[in-house]
Amino acid sequence: MDGVYYQLGTEGIIEHVTVKLDGQIQRHVNGKRTFKGAIHFIGDKVPQIPENRTPLELVYDGQNFSTVSSAFRIIDDEGRI
């Protein structure tokens, strides 16, 4: 998807970016949809997650907000956290 990177208190768009979502949307019996997966921002000025961190994870439960987190650090070459 196309997106923009901006910072509150700064005029205008800092950079146009590409946003990639890698995950699954689930449809529930009550009509709600949830998404759980990884999110990737592609752009030159977007702060990047350090290489030794797990990917950003986005959990969306149908509300007007969602949680984005990278809670762990990878500690070895085999991917152990």
N, C-alpha and C. Protein backbone atom coordinates (compact mmCIF):
# COMPACT_ATOMS: atom_id res chain seq x y z
N MET A 1 0.84 -1.17 0.00
CA MET A 1 0.00 0.00 0.00
C MET A 1 0.89 1.24 0.00
N ASP A 2 0.38 2.30 -0.56
CA ASP A 2 1.06 3.58 -0.50
C ASP A 2 0.69 4.28 0.80
N GLY A 3 1.64 4.99 1.37
CA GLY A 3 1.40 5.72 2.60
C GLY A 3 2.29 6.93 2.68
N VAL A 4 2.21 7.63 3.78
CA VAL A 4 3.07 8.78 4.00
C VAL A 4 3.68 8.69 5.40
N TYR A 5 4.89 9.23 5.51
CA TYR A 5 5.56 9.34 6.79
C TYR A 5 5.55 10.81 7.16
N TYR A 6 5.05 11.12 8.34
CA TYR A 6 5.00 12.50 8.80
C TYR A 6 5.21 12.49 10.31
N GLN A 7 5.47 13.68 10.85
CA GLN A 7 5.63 13.81 12.29
C GLN A 7 4.75 14.95 12.76
N LEU A 8 4.01 14.72 13.84
CA LEU A 8 3.16 15.77 14.38
C LEU A 8 4.01 16.99 14.72
N GLY A 9 3.51 18.16 14.44
CA GLY A 9 4.23 19.39 14.71
C GLY A 9 5.13 19.83 13.56
N THR A 10 5.20 19.01 12.52
CA THR A 10 6.00 19.34 11.34
C THR A 10 5.04 19.58 10.19
N GLU A 11 5.29 20.63 9.43
CA GLU A 11 4.40 20.90 8.30
C GLU A 11 4.68 19.96 7.14
N GLY A 12 3.62 19.44 6.56
CA GLY A 12 3.74 18.65 5.34
C GLY A 12 4.20 17.23 5.56
N ILE A 13 4.24 16.51 4.47
CA ILE A 13 4.66 15.12 4.44
C ILE A 13 6.17 15.06 4.37
N ILE A 14 6.77 14.23 5.18
CA ILE A 14 8.22 14.08 5.16
C ILE A 14 8.64 13.19 4.00
N GLU A 15 7.88 12.10 3.76
CA GLU A 15 8.25 11.16 2.70
C GLU A 15 7.05 10.28 2.34
N HIS A 16 6.92 9.97 1.06
CA HIS A 16 5.95 8.96 0.62
C HIS A 16 6.61 7.60 0.83
N VAL A 17 5.88 6.64 1.39
CA VAL A 17 6.44 5.34 1.73
C VAL A 17 5.56 4.22 1.18
N THR A 18 6.10 3.02 1.20
CA THR A 18 5.35 1.82 0.89
C THR A 18 5.16 1.04 2.18
N VAL A 19 3.95 0.57 2.42
CA VAL A 19 3.64 -0.20 3.62
C VAL A 19 3.26 -1.61 3.17
N LYS A 20 3.95 -2.62 3.72
CA LYS A 20 3.63 -4.01 3.39
C LYS A 20 3.11 -4.70 4.64
N LEU A 21 1.97 -5.35 4.51
CA LEU A 21 1.38 -6.12 5.60
C LEU A 21 1.50 -7.60 5.26
N ASP A 22 1.98 -8.39 6.19
CA ASP A 22 2.14 -9.82 5.99
C ASP A 22 1.45 -10.53 7.14
N GLY A 23 0.27 -11.03 6.90
CA GLY A 23 -0.49 -11.68 7.97
C GLY A 23 -1.81 -12.19 7.44
N GLN A 24 -2.75 -12.35 8.36
CA GLN A 24 -4.05 -12.90 7.99
C GLN A 24 -5.17 -12.09 8.61
N ILE A 25 -6.24 -11.91 7.84
CA ILE A 25 -7.47 -11.33 8.35
C ILE A 25 -8.41 -12.48 8.67
N GLN A 26 -8.98 -12.43 9.86
CA GLN A 26 -9.95 -13.46 10.25
C GLN A 26 -11.32 -12.81 10.36
N ARG A 27 -12.32 -13.50 9.85
CA ARG A 27 -13.71 -13.05 9.98
C ARG A 27 -14.37 -13.90 11.05
N HIS A 28 -15.02 -13.23 11.98
CA HIS A 28 -15.62 -13.92 13.11
C HIS A 28 -17.13 -14.02 12.93
N VAL A 29 -17.74 -14.90 13.68
CA VAL A 29 -19.18 -15.15 13.60
C VAL A 29 -19.97 -13.88 13.89
N ASN A 30 -19.46 -13.03 14.78
CA ASN A 30 -20.17 -11.80 15.16
C ASN A 30 -20.01 -10.68 14.13
N GLY A 31 -19.33 -10.96 12.99
CA GLY A 31 -19.18 -9.97 11.93
C GLY A 31 -17.90 -9.15 12.00
N LYS A 32 -17.18 -9.25 13.12
CA LYS A 32 -15.92 -8.49 13.24
C LYS A 32 -14.81 -9.18 12.47
N ARG A 33 -13.84 -8.39 12.09
CA ARG A 33 -12.65 -8.91 11.44
C ARG A 33 -11.44 -8.52 12.27
N THR A 34 -10.48 -9.41 12.35
CA THR A 34 -9.23 -9.10 13.04
C THR A 34 -8.07 -9.40 12.11
N PHE A 35 -6.99 -8.66 12.29
CA PHE A 35 -5.77 -8.88 11.52
C PHE A 35 -4.63 -9.06 12.50
N LYS A 36 -3.79 -10.06 12.23
CA LYS A 36 -2.59 -10.25 13.02
C LYS A 36 -1.47 -10.58 12.06
N GLY A 37 -0.40 -9.82 12.14
CA GLY A 37 0.72 -10.07 11.25
C GLY A 37 1.81 -9.04 11.40
N ALA A 38 2.75 -9.08 10.48
CA ALA A 38 3.89 -8.17 10.51
C ALA A 38 3.65 -6.99 9.58
N ILE A 39 4.28 -5.87 9.91
CA ILE A 39 4.17 -4.66 9.10
C ILE A 39 5.58 -4.18 8.75
N HIS A 40 5.76 -3.76 7.49
CA HIS A 40 7.06 -3.29 7.02
C HIS A 40 6.87 -1.94 6.35
N PHE A 41 7.69 -0.97 6.74
CA PHE A 41 7.67 0.36 6.13
C PHE A 41 8.90 0.49 5.25
N ILE A 42 8.71 0.87 3.99
CA ILE A 42 9.82 1.00 3.06
C ILE A 42 9.93 2.47 2.66
N GLY A 43 11.05 3.08 3.07
CA GLY A 43 11.31 4.48 2.78
C GLY A 43 12.67 4.87 3.33
N ASP A 44 13.25 5.91 2.77
CA ASP A 44 14.60 6.32 3.17
C ASP A 44 14.64 6.99 4.53
N LYS A 45 13.61 7.75 4.88
CA LYS A 45 13.64 8.55 6.11
C LYS A 45 12.90 7.90 7.27
N VAL A 46 12.24 6.77 7.04
CA VAL A 46 11.48 6.09 8.08
C VAL A 46 12.46 5.41 9.04
N PRO A 47 12.33 5.63 10.36
CA PRO A 47 13.21 4.94 11.30
C PRO A 47 13.07 3.43 11.13
N GLN A 48 14.18 2.73 11.10
CA GLN A 48 14.18 1.29 10.88
C GLN A 48 14.36 0.53 12.19
N ILE A 49 13.75 -0.64 12.25
CA ILE A 49 13.92 -1.53 13.39
C ILE A 49 15.33 -2.11 13.32
N PRO A 50 16.09 -2.11 14.41
CA PRO A 50 17.43 -2.70 14.36
C PRO A 50 17.39 -4.17 13.93
N GLU A 51 18.45 -4.62 13.28
CA GLU A 51 18.51 -5.98 12.73
C GLU A 51 18.29 -7.06 13.79
N ASN A 52 18.64 -6.79 15.05
CA ASN A 52 18.53 -7.83 16.07
C ASN A 52 17.18 -7.83 16.79
N ARG A 53 16.17 -7.19 16.20
CA ARG A 53 14.83 -7.17 16.78
C ARG A 53 13.88 -8.02 15.96
N THR A 54 12.85 -8.51 16.61
CA THR A 54 11.81 -9.24 15.88
C THR A 54 11.05 -8.25 15.00
N PRO A 55 10.40 -8.71 13.93
CA PRO A 55 9.64 -7.79 13.06
C PRO A 55 8.53 -7.08 13.83
N LEU A 56 8.13 -5.91 13.32
CA LEU A 56 6.99 -5.21 13.91
C LEU A 56 5.76 -6.08 13.75
N GLU A 57 4.96 -6.18 14.79
CA GLU A 57 3.73 -6.96 14.72
C GLU A 57 2.55 -6.03 14.94
N LEU A 58 1.57 -6.14 14.06
CA LEU A 58 0.37 -5.33 14.12
C LEU A 58 -0.79 -6.24 14.49
N VAL A 59 -1.52 -5.87 15.54
CA VAL A 59 -2.72 -6.60 15.94
C VAL A 59 -3.88 -5.64 15.85
N TYR A 60 -4.81 -5.91 14.94
CA TYR A 60 -5.96 -5.03 14.71
C TYR A 60 -7.23 -5.79 15.04
N ASP A 61 -8.06 -5.19 15.90
CA ASP A 61 -9.28 -5.89 16.30
C ASP A 61 -10.56 -5.15 15.92
N GLY A 62 -10.48 -4.31 14.89
CA GLY A 62 -11.68 -3.66 14.40
C GLY A 62 -11.97 -2.30 15.02
N GLN A 63 -11.18 -1.86 15.96
CA GLN A 63 -11.37 -0.55 16.59
C GLN A 63 -10.69 0.52 15.74
N ASN A 64 -10.68 1.75 16.21
CA ASN A 64 -10.06 2.86 15.48
C ASN A 64 -8.57 2.99 15.79
N PHE A 65 -7.99 1.99 16.40
CA PHE A 65 -6.57 2.02 16.72
C PHE A 65 -6.06 0.58 16.75
N SER A 66 -4.77 0.42 16.77
CA SER A 66 -4.19 -0.91 16.90
C SER A 66 -2.84 -0.80 17.58
N THR A 67 -2.33 -1.92 18.00
CA THR A 67 -1.04 -1.98 18.67
C THR A 67 0.00 -2.44 17.66
N VAL A 68 1.12 -1.74 17.62
CA VAL A 68 2.26 -2.14 16.81
C VAL A 68 3.41 -2.34 17.77
N SER A 69 4.03 -3.53 17.73
CA SER A 69 5.10 -3.78 18.69
C SER A 69 6.22 -4.61 18.09
N SER A 70 7.39 -4.46 18.68
CA SER A 70 8.55 -5.31 18.43
C SER A 70 9.13 -5.55 19.81
N ALA A 71 8.65 -6.59 20.44
CA ALA A 71 8.89 -6.76 21.87
C ALA A 71 10.18 -7.48 22.22
N PHE A 72 10.81 -8.15 21.29
CA PHE A 72 11.94 -8.99 21.66
C PHE A 72 13.16 -8.72 20.80
N ARG A 73 14.27 -9.17 21.29
CA ARG A 73 15.54 -9.04 20.60
C ARG A 73 16.04 -10.44 20.28
N ILE A 74 16.51 -10.67 19.07
CA ILE A 74 17.06 -11.96 18.65
C ILE A 74 18.49 -12.04 19.16
N ILE A 75 18.83 -13.13 19.86
CA ILE A 75 20.13 -13.18 20.52
C ILE A 75 21.15 -14.09 19.87
N ASP A 76 20.77 -14.87 18.85
CA ASP A 76 21.76 -15.72 18.20
C ASP A 76 21.43 -15.96 16.74
N ASP A 77 22.37 -16.58 16.03
CA ASP A 77 22.21 -16.80 14.59
C ASP A 77 21.09 -17.78 14.24
N GLU A 78 20.65 -18.57 15.21
CA GLU A 78 19.58 -19.53 14.95
C GLU A 78 18.20 -18.92 15.18
N GLY A 79 18.16 -17.64 15.50
CA GLY A 79 16.88 -16.96 15.66
C GLY A 79 16.27 -17.05 17.03
N ARG A 80 17.02 -17.57 18.01
CA ARG A 80 16.47 -17.65 19.36
C ARG A 80 16.27 -16.26 19.93
N ILE A 81 15.20 -16.11 20.69
CA ILE A 81 14.83 -14.81 21.23
C ILE A 81 15.09 -14.79 22.71
